[in-house]
Amino acid sequence: MPSRLSTSHPWHGVSIGRKAPVAITVYVEMVPTDTVKYELDKDTGLLRVDRPQKYSNVCPDLYGFVPRTYCDREVAAYCEERTGRKGLLGDGDPLDICVLTEKQIAHGNILVEAIPIGGLRMLDGSEVDDKLVAVLSGDAVFGGFREIGDCPPVLLDRLRHYFLTYKQGPDDPNRACEITHVYGRDEAHEVIRRSIADYEREFGAAAASAPGISKPS
């Protein structure tokens, strides 16, 4: 009875989905109309206001994370492999993701099914902070995309601009973040697999169990 009366923790209590990494569950924290940054409170599982958006840029798409993922050693090692950088660390958060859709969704704190098509390999200092790019499953405009190259360049430019500038003040000449690559579906799938392995190592195999997910190659 208590389990029926309580809400599942969006990070630990929601399955990534049986078809992962081809199709995954996404917990949406923010939508394009939000003027404050919402973020999951990891202890309570509730959505909280992290901070008001200081500057004019707003997230251009649905933004959230992939349940039962964690960015730690495996994700950092893959970024080192792909970039040739050394000394990188995972950011200790679930895997971030942007979801493209034609629909106006009024608020976050919802679950959607999404199809990963690629990602932005982003570094915040020495921390790996990948931003996956996905499409809303069944979306009339974007739902048929299966590869990052299917996206019009302007959509990717909006995402890149947002993540390169959302922490930057008007008088700050130095960017806090760097995007080293825009990568495709296969690399996005590998990042997901590795983030699942990191989650399993951090929180236990029982918590991370999801049918159909292979470990990192």
N, C-alpha and C. Protein backbone atom coordinates (compact mmCIF):
# COMPACT_ATOMS: atom_id res chain seq x y z
N MET A 1 0.81 -1.22 0.00
CA MET A 1 0.00 0.00 0.00
C MET A 1 0.85 1.27 0.00
N PRO A 2 1.90 1.42 0.86
CA PRO A 2 2.68 2.65 0.82
C PRO A 2 3.27 2.93 -0.55
N SER A 3 3.72 1.89 -1.29
CA SER A 3 4.32 2.12 -2.59
C SER A 3 3.31 2.70 -3.58
N ARG A 4 2.02 2.37 -3.41
CA ARG A 4 1.00 2.90 -4.29
C ARG A 4 0.67 4.35 -3.96
N LEU A 5 0.98 4.78 -2.76
CA LEU A 5 0.65 6.13 -2.34
C LEU A 5 1.79 7.11 -2.57
N SER A 6 2.99 6.61 -2.88
CA SER A 6 4.14 7.48 -3.06
C SER A 6 4.51 7.58 -4.54
N THR A 7 5.14 8.69 -4.91
CA THR A 7 5.58 8.91 -6.28
C THR A 7 6.98 8.37 -6.47
N SER A 8 7.22 7.71 -7.58
CA SER A 8 8.55 7.17 -7.86
C SER A 8 9.56 8.31 -8.00
N HIS A 9 10.76 8.08 -7.51
CA HIS A 9 11.84 9.05 -7.69
C HIS A 9 12.18 9.09 -9.18
N PRO A 10 12.16 10.27 -9.83
CA PRO A 10 12.37 10.33 -11.28
C PRO A 10 13.73 9.80 -11.75
N TRP A 11 14.74 9.88 -10.89
CA TRP A 11 16.06 9.40 -11.27
C TRP A 11 16.21 7.90 -11.01
N HIS A 12 15.82 7.47 -9.81
CA HIS A 12 16.09 6.09 -9.40
C HIS A 12 14.89 5.15 -9.53
N GLY A 13 13.69 5.71 -9.56
CA GLY A 13 12.50 4.87 -9.52
C GLY A 13 11.80 4.68 -10.85
N VAL A 14 12.37 5.24 -11.93
CA VAL A 14 11.76 5.16 -13.25
C VAL A 14 12.67 4.34 -14.16
N SER A 15 12.11 3.42 -14.91
CA SER A 15 12.90 2.60 -15.83
C SER A 15 13.34 3.42 -17.03
N ILE A 16 14.53 3.14 -17.52
CA ILE A 16 15.00 3.80 -18.73
C ILE A 16 14.24 3.33 -19.95
N GLY A 17 13.58 2.17 -19.86
CA GLY A 17 12.79 1.65 -20.97
C GLY A 17 13.37 0.38 -21.56
N ARG A 18 12.51 -0.51 -21.99
CA ARG A 18 12.93 -1.81 -22.49
C ARG A 18 13.65 -1.74 -23.83
N LYS A 19 13.44 -0.65 -24.57
CA LYS A 19 14.05 -0.55 -25.91
C LYS A 19 15.34 0.27 -25.91
N ALA A 20 15.81 0.65 -24.74
CA ALA A 20 17.03 1.46 -24.67
C ALA A 20 18.22 0.66 -25.24
N PRO A 21 19.18 1.35 -25.88
CA PRO A 21 19.29 2.80 -26.06
C PRO A 21 18.59 3.35 -27.30
N VAL A 22 17.88 2.48 -28.05
CA VAL A 22 17.22 2.95 -29.28
C VAL A 22 16.07 3.91 -28.96
N ALA A 23 15.31 3.59 -27.93
CA ALA A 23 14.25 4.47 -27.44
C ALA A 23 14.34 4.49 -25.92
N ILE A 24 14.24 5.66 -25.31
CA ILE A 24 14.47 5.78 -23.87
C ILE A 24 13.41 6.66 -23.22
N THR A 25 13.23 6.45 -21.94
CA THR A 25 12.40 7.34 -21.14
C THR A 25 13.22 8.57 -20.78
N VAL A 26 12.58 9.72 -20.83
CA VAL A 26 13.23 10.99 -20.45
C VAL A 26 12.34 11.68 -19.42
N TYR A 27 12.96 12.15 -18.35
CA TYR A 27 12.27 13.01 -17.39
C TYR A 27 12.54 14.46 -17.79
N VAL A 28 11.48 15.20 -18.10
CA VAL A 28 11.61 16.59 -18.56
C VAL A 28 11.59 17.52 -17.35
N GLU A 29 12.65 18.31 -17.21
CA GLU A 29 12.74 19.31 -16.16
C GLU A 29 12.29 20.69 -16.64
N MET A 30 12.64 21.03 -17.90
CA MET A 30 12.39 22.38 -18.41
C MET A 30 11.78 22.33 -19.79
N VAL A 31 10.99 23.37 -20.09
CA VAL A 31 10.42 23.57 -21.43
C VAL A 31 10.84 24.96 -21.91
N PRO A 32 10.73 25.23 -23.22
CA PRO A 32 11.26 26.49 -23.76
C PRO A 32 10.66 27.77 -23.18
N THR A 33 9.48 27.70 -22.58
CA THR A 33 8.88 28.91 -22.02
C THR A 33 9.34 29.22 -20.60
N ASP A 34 10.15 28.35 -20.01
CA ASP A 34 10.58 28.57 -18.62
C ASP A 34 11.60 29.70 -18.54
N THR A 35 11.37 30.61 -17.61
CA THR A 35 12.30 31.72 -17.39
C THR A 35 13.13 31.53 -16.12
N VAL A 36 12.95 30.40 -15.47
CA VAL A 36 13.83 29.99 -14.37
C VAL A 36 14.35 28.60 -14.70
N LYS A 37 15.49 28.26 -14.11
CA LYS A 37 16.06 26.94 -14.34
C LYS A 37 15.53 25.98 -13.28
N TYR A 38 14.75 25.01 -13.73
CA TYR A 38 14.27 23.96 -12.84
C TYR A 38 15.25 22.80 -12.86
N GLU A 39 15.42 22.17 -11.71
CA GLU A 39 16.33 21.04 -11.60
C GLU A 39 15.80 20.06 -10.57
N LEU A 40 15.98 18.78 -10.82
CA LEU A 40 15.53 17.78 -9.87
C LEU A 40 16.34 17.88 -8.58
N ASP A 41 15.65 17.90 -7.45
CA ASP A 41 16.31 17.78 -6.15
C ASP A 41 16.61 16.30 -5.94
N LYS A 42 17.88 15.95 -5.88
CA LYS A 42 18.27 14.54 -5.89
C LYS A 42 17.84 13.81 -4.62
N ASP A 43 17.73 14.52 -3.52
CA ASP A 43 17.36 13.85 -2.27
C ASP A 43 15.87 13.52 -2.23
N THR A 44 15.03 14.48 -2.61
CA THR A 44 13.59 14.29 -2.47
C THR A 44 12.92 13.76 -3.74
N GLY A 45 13.55 13.97 -4.90
CA GLY A 45 12.91 13.61 -6.15
C GLY A 45 11.90 14.64 -6.63
N LEU A 46 11.85 15.80 -5.97
CA LEU A 46 10.95 16.87 -6.37
C LEU A 46 11.67 17.87 -7.28
N LEU A 47 10.90 18.52 -8.14
CA LEU A 47 11.47 19.54 -9.02
C LEU A 47 11.53 20.86 -8.26
N ARG A 48 12.69 21.48 -8.29
CA ARG A 48 12.87 22.74 -7.55
C ARG A 48 13.43 23.81 -8.47
N VAL A 49 13.31 25.06 -8.05
CA VAL A 49 13.91 26.17 -8.78
C VAL A 49 15.39 26.23 -8.41
N ASP A 50 16.22 26.01 -9.41
CA ASP A 50 17.67 26.09 -9.18
C ASP A 50 18.14 27.54 -9.17
N ARG A 51 17.67 28.30 -10.15
CA ARG A 51 18.01 29.73 -10.20
C ARG A 51 17.17 30.41 -11.27
N PRO A 52 16.88 31.70 -11.13
CA PRO A 52 16.28 32.44 -12.23
C PRO A 52 17.27 32.53 -13.39
N GLN A 53 16.74 32.53 -14.61
CA GLN A 53 17.63 32.73 -15.75
C GLN A 53 18.08 34.19 -15.76
N LYS A 54 19.38 34.41 -15.66
CA LYS A 54 19.90 35.76 -15.55
C LYS A 54 19.88 36.51 -16.88
N TYR A 55 20.04 35.77 -17.96
CA TYR A 55 20.23 36.42 -19.25
C TYR A 55 19.09 36.07 -20.20
N SER A 56 19.15 36.57 -21.42
CA SER A 56 17.99 36.50 -22.33
C SER A 56 17.82 35.13 -22.97
N ASN A 57 18.86 34.29 -22.95
CA ASN A 57 18.72 33.01 -23.65
C ASN A 57 17.86 32.03 -22.85
N VAL A 58 17.04 31.29 -23.56
CA VAL A 58 16.20 30.26 -22.95
C VAL A 58 16.45 28.95 -23.69
N CYS A 59 16.26 27.84 -23.00
CA CYS A 59 16.49 26.55 -23.61
C CYS A 59 15.54 26.36 -24.79
N PRO A 60 16.04 26.02 -25.98
CA PRO A 60 15.18 26.00 -27.16
C PRO A 60 14.29 24.76 -27.29
N ASP A 61 14.53 23.74 -26.46
CA ASP A 61 13.76 22.50 -26.58
C ASP A 61 13.48 21.93 -25.20
N LEU A 62 12.72 20.85 -25.16
CA LEU A 62 12.54 20.15 -23.89
C LEU A 62 13.90 19.71 -23.37
N TYR A 63 14.09 19.83 -22.06
CA TYR A 63 15.40 19.51 -21.48
C TYR A 63 15.20 18.75 -20.19
N GLY A 64 15.97 17.70 -20.02
CA GLY A 64 15.88 16.91 -18.80
C GLY A 64 16.99 15.89 -18.72
N PHE A 65 16.67 14.70 -18.21
CA PHE A 65 17.72 13.69 -18.05
C PHE A 65 17.15 12.30 -18.27
N VAL A 66 18.08 11.35 -18.40
CA VAL A 66 17.71 9.96 -18.63
C VAL A 66 17.75 9.22 -17.29
N PRO A 67 16.63 8.66 -16.84
CA PRO A 67 16.62 7.95 -15.55
C PRO A 67 17.62 6.80 -15.51
N ARG A 68 18.11 6.53 -14.30
CA ARG A 68 19.03 5.42 -14.03
C ARG A 68 20.28 5.47 -14.90
N THR A 69 20.77 6.70 -15.12
CA THR A 69 22.08 6.90 -15.73
C THR A 69 22.89 7.78 -14.79
N TYR A 70 24.21 7.75 -14.98
CA TYR A 70 25.12 8.50 -14.11
C TYR A 70 26.39 8.75 -14.90
N CYS A 71 26.89 9.96 -14.85
CA CYS A 71 28.08 10.32 -15.61
C CYS A 71 29.30 10.30 -14.69
N ASP A 72 30.08 9.25 -14.85
CA ASP A 72 31.24 9.07 -13.98
C ASP A 72 32.40 8.53 -14.81
N ARG A 73 33.06 7.48 -14.35
CA ARG A 73 34.31 7.03 -14.95
C ARG A 73 34.17 6.53 -16.39
N GLU A 74 33.14 5.74 -16.65
CA GLU A 74 32.98 5.19 -18.00
C GLU A 74 32.69 6.29 -19.02
N VAL A 75 31.82 7.22 -18.65
CA VAL A 75 31.49 8.32 -19.55
C VAL A 75 32.71 9.21 -19.77
N ALA A 76 33.45 9.49 -18.70
CA ALA A 76 34.66 10.32 -18.82
C ALA A 76 35.71 9.64 -19.68
N ALA A 77 35.89 8.33 -19.51
CA ALA A 77 36.87 7.59 -20.29
C ALA A 77 36.53 7.61 -21.78
N TYR A 78 35.24 7.52 -22.09
CA TYR A 78 34.84 7.56 -23.49
C TYR A 78 35.10 8.94 -24.09
N CYS A 79 34.86 9.99 -23.31
CA CYS A 79 35.15 11.35 -23.78
C CYS A 79 36.65 11.53 -24.00
N GLU A 80 37.46 11.00 -23.10
CA GLU A 80 38.91 11.06 -23.28
C GLU A 80 39.33 10.35 -24.57
N GLU A 81 38.71 9.20 -24.81
CA GLU A 81 39.02 8.42 -26.01
C GLU A 81 38.67 9.18 -27.28
N ARG A 82 37.53 9.85 -27.28
CA ARG A 82 37.07 10.53 -28.49
C ARG A 82 37.72 11.89 -28.71
N THR A 83 38.17 12.53 -27.62
CA THR A 83 38.74 13.88 -27.75
C THR A 83 40.26 13.89 -27.68
N GLY A 84 40.86 12.84 -27.11
CA GLY A 84 42.30 12.85 -26.89
C GLY A 84 42.72 13.63 -25.66
N ARG A 85 41.75 14.12 -24.88
CA ARG A 85 42.05 14.86 -23.65
C ARG A 85 42.34 13.87 -22.52
N LYS A 86 43.04 14.32 -21.51
CA LYS A 86 43.33 13.52 -20.32
C LYS A 86 42.86 14.26 -19.07
N GLY A 87 42.66 13.49 -18.01
CA GLY A 87 42.28 14.09 -16.73
C GLY A 87 40.85 14.55 -16.65
N LEU A 88 39.96 13.98 -17.47
CA LEU A 88 38.56 14.38 -17.44
C LEU A 88 37.78 13.59 -16.40
N LEU A 89 36.72 14.20 -15.88
CA LEU A 89 35.89 13.58 -14.86
C LEU A 89 34.42 13.66 -15.28
N GLY A 90 33.63 12.67 -14.87
CA GLY A 90 32.19 12.78 -15.03
C GLY A 90 31.64 13.84 -14.09
N ASP A 91 30.51 14.43 -14.45
CA ASP A 91 29.98 15.53 -13.62
C ASP A 91 29.15 15.04 -12.44
N GLY A 92 28.97 13.71 -12.30
CA GLY A 92 28.25 13.18 -11.15
C GLY A 92 26.75 13.39 -11.20
N ASP A 93 26.21 13.60 -12.39
CA ASP A 93 24.77 13.81 -12.57
C ASP A 93 24.22 12.76 -13.53
N PRO A 94 22.89 12.59 -13.58
CA PRO A 94 22.33 11.76 -14.65
C PRO A 94 22.60 12.41 -16.00
N LEU A 95 22.44 11.61 -17.05
CA LEU A 95 22.77 12.05 -18.41
C LEU A 95 21.74 13.07 -18.91
N ASP A 96 22.23 14.24 -19.32
CA ASP A 96 21.36 15.31 -19.82
C ASP A 96 20.90 15.02 -21.24
N ILE A 97 19.72 15.53 -21.57
CA ILE A 97 19.18 15.27 -22.91
C ILE A 97 18.22 16.38 -23.32
N CYS A 98 18.26 16.74 -24.61
CA CYS A 98 17.32 17.67 -25.22
C CYS A 98 16.41 16.87 -26.15
N VAL A 99 15.13 17.19 -26.13
CA VAL A 99 14.16 16.45 -26.94
C VAL A 99 13.46 17.42 -27.89
N LEU A 100 13.59 17.15 -29.19
CA LEU A 100 12.97 17.98 -30.21
C LEU A 100 11.52 17.55 -30.43
N THR A 101 10.63 18.52 -30.49
CA THR A 101 9.22 18.25 -30.78
C THR A 101 8.57 19.49 -31.36
N GLU A 102 7.57 19.27 -32.22
CA GLU A 102 6.81 20.40 -32.76
C GLU A 102 5.78 20.91 -31.76
N LYS A 103 5.43 20.11 -30.77
CA LYS A 103 4.36 20.45 -29.85
C LYS A 103 4.83 21.41 -28.76
N GLN A 104 3.93 22.27 -28.34
CA GLN A 104 4.19 23.13 -27.20
C GLN A 104 3.75 22.40 -25.94
N ILE A 105 4.70 22.02 -25.13
CA ILE A 105 4.42 21.34 -23.88
C ILE A 105 4.55 22.37 -22.76
N ALA A 106 3.52 22.49 -21.95
CA ALA A 106 3.38 23.65 -21.07
C ALA A 106 4.30 23.63 -19.86
N HIS A 107 4.70 22.45 -19.39
CA HIS A 107 5.48 22.40 -18.15
C HIS A 107 6.32 21.13 -18.11
N GLY A 108 7.30 21.14 -17.24
CA GLY A 108 8.13 19.97 -17.02
C GLY A 108 7.52 19.06 -15.98
N ASN A 109 8.38 18.25 -15.33
CA ASN A 109 7.96 17.26 -14.35
C ASN A 109 7.06 16.22 -15.00
N ILE A 110 7.45 15.80 -16.22
CA ILE A 110 6.72 14.78 -16.95
C ILE A 110 7.72 13.78 -17.54
N LEU A 111 7.21 12.60 -17.92
CA LEU A 111 8.00 11.59 -18.60
C LEU A 111 7.57 11.52 -20.06
N VAL A 112 8.55 11.39 -20.96
CA VAL A 112 8.26 11.20 -22.38
C VAL A 112 9.16 10.08 -22.91
N GLU A 113 8.74 9.45 -24.01
CA GLU A 113 9.61 8.52 -24.71
C GLU A 113 10.29 9.27 -25.83
N ALA A 114 11.60 9.10 -25.95
CA ALA A 114 12.38 9.82 -26.94
C ALA A 114 13.32 8.87 -27.68
N ILE A 115 13.69 9.27 -28.90
CA ILE A 115 14.59 8.50 -29.75
C ILE A 115 15.91 9.27 -29.86
N PRO A 116 16.99 8.79 -29.24
CA PRO A 116 18.27 9.49 -29.35
C PRO A 116 18.81 9.46 -30.78
N ILE A 117 19.27 10.61 -31.27
CA ILE A 117 19.82 10.69 -32.62
C ILE A 117 21.25 11.22 -32.63
N GLY A 118 21.77 11.64 -31.49
CA GLY A 118 23.13 12.18 -31.44
C GLY A 118 23.36 12.91 -30.14
N GLY A 119 24.34 13.82 -30.18
CA GLY A 119 24.63 14.56 -28.96
C GLY A 119 25.70 15.61 -29.16
N LEU A 120 25.85 16.44 -28.14
CA LEU A 120 26.91 17.45 -28.08
C LEU A 120 27.90 17.01 -27.01
N ARG A 121 29.16 16.85 -27.41
CA ARG A 121 30.19 16.48 -26.42
C ARG A 121 30.68 17.77 -25.76
N MET A 122 30.20 18.02 -24.56
CA MET A 122 30.47 19.29 -23.89
C MET A 122 31.37 19.10 -22.68
N LEU A 123 32.29 20.02 -22.51
CA LEU A 123 33.16 20.04 -21.34
C LEU A 123 32.90 21.32 -20.57
N ASP A 124 32.71 21.17 -19.27
CA ASP A 124 32.58 22.30 -18.36
C ASP A 124 33.84 22.28 -17.50
N GLY A 125 34.88 22.96 -17.95
CA GLY A 125 36.18 22.81 -17.33
C GLY A 125 36.72 21.42 -17.63
N SER A 126 37.02 20.65 -16.60
CA SER A 126 37.49 19.27 -16.77
C SER A 126 36.37 18.25 -16.61
N GLU A 127 35.14 18.72 -16.45
CA GLU A 127 34.01 17.82 -16.25
C GLU A 127 33.30 17.54 -17.58
N VAL A 128 33.01 16.27 -17.80
CA VAL A 128 32.28 15.85 -18.99
C VAL A 128 30.79 16.08 -18.76
N ASP A 129 30.14 16.78 -19.66
CA ASP A 129 28.74 17.17 -19.48
C ASP A 129 27.99 17.02 -20.80
N ASP A 130 28.02 15.80 -21.36
CA ASP A 130 27.36 15.54 -22.64
C ASP A 130 25.88 15.95 -22.61
N LYS A 131 25.42 16.46 -23.74
CA LYS A 131 24.01 16.78 -23.93
C LYS A 131 23.50 15.94 -25.11
N LEU A 132 22.77 14.88 -24.80
CA LEU A 132 22.19 14.09 -25.87
C LEU A 132 21.12 14.90 -26.61
N VAL A 133 20.92 14.55 -27.88
CA VAL A 133 19.85 15.13 -28.67
C VAL A 133 18.94 13.99 -29.10
N ALA A 134 17.64 14.17 -28.89
CA ALA A 134 16.66 13.13 -29.22
C ALA A 134 15.43 13.78 -29.82
N VAL A 135 14.55 12.95 -30.36
CA VAL A 135 13.27 13.43 -30.88
C VAL A 135 12.15 12.75 -30.10
N LEU A 136 11.06 13.46 -29.94
CA LEU A 136 9.91 12.89 -29.25
C LEU A 136 9.32 11.76 -30.09
N SER A 137 9.15 10.61 -29.49
CA SER A 137 8.61 9.46 -30.20
C SER A 137 7.22 9.78 -30.76
N GLY A 138 7.05 9.54 -32.05
CA GLY A 138 5.76 9.79 -32.69
C GLY A 138 5.50 11.22 -33.11
N ASP A 139 6.48 12.11 -32.91
CA ASP A 139 6.28 13.51 -33.27
C ASP A 139 6.09 13.64 -34.78
N ALA A 140 5.10 14.44 -35.20
CA ALA A 140 4.75 14.54 -36.62
C ALA A 140 5.86 15.17 -37.46
N VAL A 141 6.63 16.08 -36.89
CA VAL A 141 7.68 16.77 -37.64
C VAL A 141 9.04 16.12 -37.43
N PHE A 142 9.40 15.87 -36.19
CA PHE A 142 10.74 15.38 -35.88
C PHE A 142 10.81 13.88 -35.63
N GLY A 143 9.67 13.23 -35.47
CA GLY A 143 9.66 11.84 -35.04
C GLY A 143 10.33 10.87 -35.98
N GLY A 144 10.46 11.22 -37.26
CA GLY A 144 11.11 10.34 -38.22
C GLY A 144 12.62 10.48 -38.26
N PHE A 145 13.19 11.46 -37.56
CA PHE A 145 14.64 11.64 -37.54
C PHE A 145 15.28 10.45 -36.82
N ARG A 146 16.35 9.92 -37.37
CA ARG A 146 17.07 8.83 -36.73
C ARG A 146 18.56 9.09 -36.61
N GLU A 147 19.02 10.21 -37.15
CA GLU A 147 20.44 10.54 -37.13
C GLU A 147 20.58 12.05 -37.01
N ILE A 148 21.66 12.48 -36.35
CA ILE A 148 21.84 13.92 -36.11
C ILE A 148 21.87 14.71 -37.41
N GLY A 149 22.32 14.06 -38.50
CA GLY A 149 22.36 14.73 -39.79
C GLY A 149 20.98 15.02 -40.37
N ASP A 150 19.94 14.41 -39.82
CA ASP A 150 18.57 14.70 -40.26
C ASP A 150 18.11 16.07 -39.78
N CYS A 151 18.75 16.62 -38.77
CA CYS A 151 18.35 17.92 -38.21
C CYS A 151 18.79 19.06 -39.11
N PRO A 152 17.94 20.03 -39.36
CA PRO A 152 18.40 21.24 -40.04
C PRO A 152 19.52 21.90 -39.21
N PRO A 153 20.56 22.39 -39.86
CA PRO A 153 21.69 22.97 -39.12
C PRO A 153 21.28 24.06 -38.13
N VAL A 154 20.22 24.83 -38.44
CA VAL A 154 19.83 25.91 -37.54
C VAL A 154 19.39 25.37 -36.19
N LEU A 155 18.78 24.19 -36.14
CA LEU A 155 18.35 23.61 -34.86
C LEU A 155 19.57 23.28 -33.99
N LEU A 156 20.58 22.69 -34.61
CA LEU A 156 21.79 22.38 -33.86
C LEU A 156 22.51 23.65 -33.44
N ASP A 157 22.49 24.67 -34.29
CA ASP A 157 23.13 25.94 -33.94
C ASP A 157 22.46 26.56 -32.71
N ARG A 158 21.13 26.44 -32.62
CA ARG A 158 20.43 26.97 -31.44
C ARG A 158 20.86 26.26 -30.18
N LEU A 159 20.95 24.94 -30.25
CA LEU A 159 21.38 24.17 -29.08
C LEU A 159 22.81 24.51 -28.71
N ARG A 160 23.69 24.55 -29.69
CA ARG A 160 25.10 24.86 -29.41
C ARG A 160 25.23 26.26 -28.80
N HIS A 161 24.52 27.22 -29.36
CA HIS A 161 24.60 28.58 -28.85
C HIS A 161 24.10 28.65 -27.42
N TYR A 162 22.99 27.98 -27.13
CA TYR A 162 22.44 28.01 -25.78
C TYR A 162 23.45 27.46 -24.77
N PHE A 163 23.98 26.28 -25.02
CA PHE A 163 24.85 25.66 -24.03
C PHE A 163 26.22 26.33 -23.94
N LEU A 164 26.63 27.03 -24.99
CA LEU A 164 27.90 27.75 -24.92
C LEU A 164 27.77 29.10 -24.21
N THR A 165 26.55 29.62 -24.09
CA THR A 165 26.39 30.98 -23.57
C THR A 165 25.51 31.08 -22.33
N TYR A 166 24.83 30.00 -21.91
CA TYR A 166 23.83 30.15 -20.84
C TYR A 166 24.44 30.47 -19.49
N LYS A 167 25.75 30.26 -19.34
CA LYS A 167 26.42 30.63 -18.10
C LYS A 167 27.26 31.89 -18.25
N GLN A 168 27.23 32.52 -19.40
CA GLN A 168 28.15 33.61 -19.72
C GLN A 168 27.46 34.96 -19.61
N GLY A 169 28.04 35.85 -18.81
CA GLY A 169 27.53 37.20 -18.69
C GLY A 169 27.93 38.07 -19.86
N PRO A 170 27.28 39.21 -20.05
CA PRO A 170 27.55 40.07 -21.22
C PRO A 170 28.96 40.65 -21.23
N ASP A 171 29.60 40.76 -20.06
CA ASP A 171 30.94 41.34 -20.00
C ASP A 171 32.02 40.27 -19.81
N ASP A 172 31.64 39.02 -19.87
CA ASP A 172 32.59 37.93 -19.67
C ASP A 172 33.08 37.45 -21.02
N PRO A 173 34.37 37.67 -21.35
CA PRO A 173 34.88 37.26 -22.66
C PRO A 173 35.18 35.77 -22.76
N ASN A 174 35.21 35.08 -21.64
CA ASN A 174 35.60 33.67 -21.64
C ASN A 174 34.39 32.77 -21.45
N ARG A 175 34.27 31.79 -22.31
CA ARG A 175 33.19 30.84 -22.20
C ARG A 175 33.50 29.81 -21.11
N ALA A 176 32.48 29.50 -20.31
CA ALA A 176 32.66 28.52 -19.24
C ALA A 176 32.65 27.11 -19.79
N CYS A 177 31.98 26.91 -20.94
CA CYS A 177 31.82 25.56 -21.50
C CYS A 177 32.39 25.49 -22.90
N GLU A 178 32.70 24.27 -23.31
CA GLU A 178 33.26 24.02 -24.64
C GLU A 178 32.56 22.81 -25.23
N ILE A 179 32.17 22.91 -26.50
CA ILE A 179 31.63 21.77 -27.22
C ILE A 179 32.69 21.30 -28.20
N THR A 180 33.20 20.11 -27.97
CA THR A 180 34.30 19.60 -28.82
C THR A 180 33.79 18.93 -30.08
N HIS A 181 32.64 18.27 -30.01
CA HIS A 181 32.10 17.54 -31.16
C HIS A 181 30.57 17.56 -31.13
N VAL A 182 29.99 17.49 -32.30
CA VAL A 182 28.59 17.08 -32.46
C VAL A 182 28.65 15.67 -33.01
N TYR A 183 28.06 14.70 -32.30
CA TYR A 183 28.21 13.31 -32.72
C TYR A 183 26.86 12.69 -33.03
N GLY A 184 26.91 11.52 -33.68
CA GLY A 184 25.72 10.88 -34.19
C GLY A 184 25.12 9.84 -33.27
N ARG A 185 24.18 9.09 -33.82
CA ARG A 185 23.37 8.15 -33.05
C ARG A 185 24.21 7.05 -32.38
N ASP A 186 25.16 6.48 -33.12
CA ASP A 186 25.92 5.37 -32.56
C ASP A 186 26.70 5.80 -31.32
N GLU A 187 27.30 6.98 -31.38
CA GLU A 187 28.03 7.48 -30.21
C GLU A 187 27.07 7.81 -29.08
N ALA A 188 25.90 8.32 -29.40
CA ALA A 188 24.90 8.59 -28.36
C ALA A 188 24.52 7.30 -27.65
N HIS A 189 24.33 6.22 -28.42
CA HIS A 189 24.01 4.93 -27.80
C HIS A 189 25.13 4.47 -26.88
N GLU A 190 26.37 4.68 -27.29
CA GLU A 190 27.50 4.27 -26.45
C GLU A 190 27.57 5.09 -25.17
N VAL A 191 27.30 6.39 -25.28
CA VAL A 191 27.28 7.23 -24.07
C VAL A 191 26.20 6.74 -23.11
N ILE A 192 25.04 6.37 -23.64
CA ILE A 192 23.97 5.85 -22.79
C ILE A 192 24.41 4.57 -22.11
N ARG A 193 24.99 3.64 -22.86
CA ARG A 193 25.44 2.37 -22.28
C ARG A 193 26.44 2.62 -21.15
N ARG A 194 27.36 3.52 -21.39
CA ARG A 194 28.39 3.79 -20.38
C ARG A 194 27.80 4.49 -19.15
N SER A 195 26.82 5.35 -19.38
CA SER A 195 26.19 6.02 -18.23
C SER A 195 25.38 5.02 -17.41
N ILE A 196 24.82 4.00 -18.05
CA ILE A 196 24.14 2.94 -17.32
C ILE A 196 25.15 2.14 -16.49
N ALA A 197 26.30 1.85 -17.08
CA ALA A 197 27.36 1.13 -16.35
C ALA A 197 27.84 1.94 -15.15
N ASP A 198 27.99 3.25 -15.33
CA ASP A 198 28.38 4.10 -14.21
C ASP A 198 27.33 4.11 -13.12
N TYR A 199 26.07 4.12 -13.52
CA TYR A 199 24.98 4.09 -12.54
C TYR A 199 25.00 2.77 -11.76
N GLU A 200 25.18 1.68 -12.50
CA GLU A 200 25.21 0.37 -11.85
C GLU A 200 26.35 0.29 -10.84
N ARG A 201 27.50 0.83 -11.21
CA ARG A 201 28.64 0.79 -10.30
C ARG A 201 28.38 1.66 -9.06
N GLU A 202 27.73 2.79 -9.24
CA GLU A 202 27.53 3.72 -8.14
C GLU A 202 26.38 3.30 -7.22
N PHE A 203 25.30 2.81 -7.83
CA PHE A 203 24.08 2.58 -7.05
C PHE A 203 23.67 1.11 -6.95
N GLY A 204 24.37 0.23 -7.67
CA GLY A 204 24.08 -1.20 -7.55
C GLY A 204 23.38 -1.76 -8.75
N ALA A 205 23.67 -3.02 -9.06
CA ALA A 205 23.14 -3.66 -10.25
C ALA A 205 21.63 -3.78 -10.19
N ALA A 206 21.07 -4.04 -9.02
CA ALA A 206 19.62 -4.21 -8.91
C ALA A 206 18.89 -2.94 -9.29
N ALA A 207 19.45 -1.79 -8.87
CA ALA A 207 18.80 -0.51 -9.17
C ALA A 207 18.88 -0.18 -10.65
N ALA A 208 19.92 -0.67 -11.32
CA ALA A 208 20.14 -0.28 -12.71
C ALA A 208 19.61 -1.30 -13.70
N SER A 209 19.00 -2.38 -13.25
CA SER A 209 18.59 -3.43 -14.16
C SER A 209 17.54 -2.93 -15.14
N ALA A 210 17.79 -3.17 -16.41
CA ALA A 210 16.83 -2.82 -17.46
C ALA A 210 17.06 -3.77 -18.61
N PRO A 211 16.06 -4.53 -19.02
CA PRO A 211 16.23 -5.52 -20.07
C PRO A 211 16.75 -4.92 -21.36
N GLY A 212 17.63 -5.66 -22.02
CA GLY A 212 18.06 -5.27 -23.36
C GLY A 212 19.24 -4.34 -23.41
N ILE A 213 19.84 -4.00 -22.26
CA ILE A 213 20.96 -3.07 -22.26
C ILE A 213 22.26 -3.85 -22.14
N SER A 214 23.14 -3.65 -23.12
CA SER A 214 24.45 -4.30 -23.06
C SER A 214 25.45 -3.37 -22.40
N LYS A 215 26.48 -3.95 -21.80
CA LYS A 215 27.51 -3.14 -21.14
C LYS A 215 28.43 -2.51 -22.19
N PRO A 216 29.23 -1.51 -21.77
CA PRO A 216 30.08 -0.80 -22.73
C PRO A 216 31.04 -1.75 -23.43
N SER A 217 31.26 -1.49 -24.72
CA SER A 217 32.20 -2.31 -25.48
C SER A 217 33.61 -1.75 -25.33
